[in-house]
Amino acid sequence: MEKSVTDAEKLVELVAATGHHSLSDFISDYINEPTVPGVCCNPARPNCNYTAMVAPDMDAGFCQKCRSATVRSGLRLAHIT
């Protein structure tokens, strides 16, 4: 059985995957951008780390790996949008 992953854990993974050293650096780089990195948050596949550029307020972007609408924007995970 796979362990569930929290939004905070997914956000930490996304920040690292984008090469940022802190959440504040990530937010500073993307706060005013039209697209931002997002990560798959599929509860059925917690180990999926598919990333894509999405709208800042995206809550259900399409994951090419899981084939589901489970990609959430990093700013959404950080409760910015």
Protein backbone atom coordinates (compact mmCIF):
# COMPACT_ATOMS: atom_id res chain seq x y z
CA MET A 1 0.00 0.00 0.00
CA GLU A 2 1.39 3.41 -0.98
CA LYS A 3 1.56 6.08 1.70
CA SER A 4 -0.45 9.23 1.19
CA VAL A 5 1.47 12.41 0.43
CA THR A 6 0.41 15.79 1.76
CA ASP A 7 0.17 18.98 -0.29
CA ALA A 8 3.11 20.35 1.72
CA GLU A 9 5.25 17.34 0.78
CA LYS A 10 4.31 17.71 -2.90
CA LEU A 11 5.18 21.41 -2.72
CA VAL A 12 8.61 20.66 -1.22
CA GLU A 13 9.24 18.16 -4.05
CA LEU A 14 8.14 20.70 -6.67
CA VAL A 15 10.31 23.48 -5.25
CA ALA A 16 13.33 21.17 -5.35
CA ALA A 17 12.49 19.86 -8.84
CA THR A 18 12.47 23.41 -10.20
CA GLY A 19 15.92 24.09 -8.75
CA HIS A 20 14.81 26.49 -6.05
CA HIS A 21 16.41 26.41 -2.62
CA SER A 22 13.39 27.73 -0.74
CA LEU A 23 9.67 28.22 -1.06
CA SER A 24 10.14 32.00 -0.91
CA ASP A 25 12.49 31.85 -3.94
CA PHE A 26 9.94 29.74 -5.82
CA ILE A 27 7.11 32.16 -5.01
CA SER A 28 9.23 35.21 -5.90
CA ASP A 29 10.06 33.73 -9.31
CA TYR A 30 6.49 32.78 -10.21
CA ILE A 31 4.11 35.12 -8.35
CA ASN A 32 3.54 37.39 -11.37
CA GLU A 33 3.93 34.81 -14.14
CA PRO A 34 1.10 33.62 -16.41
CA THR A 35 2.18 29.98 -15.99
CA VAL A 36 3.82 28.26 -13.04
CA PRO A 37 5.10 24.76 -12.29
CA GLY A 38 2.51 22.28 -11.13
CA VAL A 39 2.79 18.72 -9.83
CA CYS A 40 0.52 15.68 -9.88
CA CYS A 41 -1.35 15.24 -6.59
CA ASN A 42 -3.23 12.04 -7.43
CA PRO A 43 -4.14 10.38 -4.10
CA ALA A 44 -4.36 7.03 -5.88
CA ARG A 45 -0.75 7.42 -7.14
CA PRO A 46 1.13 9.37 -4.45
CA ASN A 47 4.52 8.54 -6.00
CA CYS A 48 3.65 10.24 -9.30
CA ASN A 49 5.80 13.35 -9.58
CA TYR A 50 4.74 14.46 -13.05
CA THR A 51 5.24 18.20 -13.47
CA ALA A 52 3.93 20.68 -16.02
CA MET A 53 3.57 24.41 -16.49
CA VAL A 54 0.00 25.38 -15.59
CA ALA A 55 -2.14 28.41 -14.76
CA PRO A 56 -1.37 29.84 -11.30
CA ASP A 57 -4.83 28.87 -9.99
CA MET A 58 -4.87 25.37 -11.53
CA ASP A 59 -6.40 22.71 -9.32
CA ALA A 60 -7.13 19.95 -11.82
CA GLY A 61 -4.62 20.00 -14.66
CA PHE A 62 -4.12 16.87 -16.74
CA CYS A 63 -1.37 14.46 -15.67
CA GLN A 64 0.13 12.77 -18.74
CA LYS A 65 1.52 9.97 -16.57
CA CYS A 66 -1.59 9.13 -14.51
CA ARG A 67 -4.03 10.13 -17.24
CA SER A 68 -6.08 12.05 -14.66
CA ALA A 69 -6.96 15.66 -13.81
CA THR A 70 -4.74 15.83 -10.73
CA VAL A 71 -2.03 18.43 -11.46
CA ARG A 72 -2.08 21.34 -9.03
CA SER A 73 -0.18 24.60 -9.36
CA GLY A 74 2.67 25.22 -6.95
CA LEU A 75 1.12 28.55 -6.00
CA ARG A 76 -2.16 26.77 -5.25
CA LEU A 77 -0.32 24.23 -3.07
CA ALA A 78 1.29 27.15 -1.23
CA HIS A 79 -2.19 28.71 -0.73
CA ILE A 80 -1.18 31.84 -2.71
CA THR A 81 -4.03 31.67 -5.26
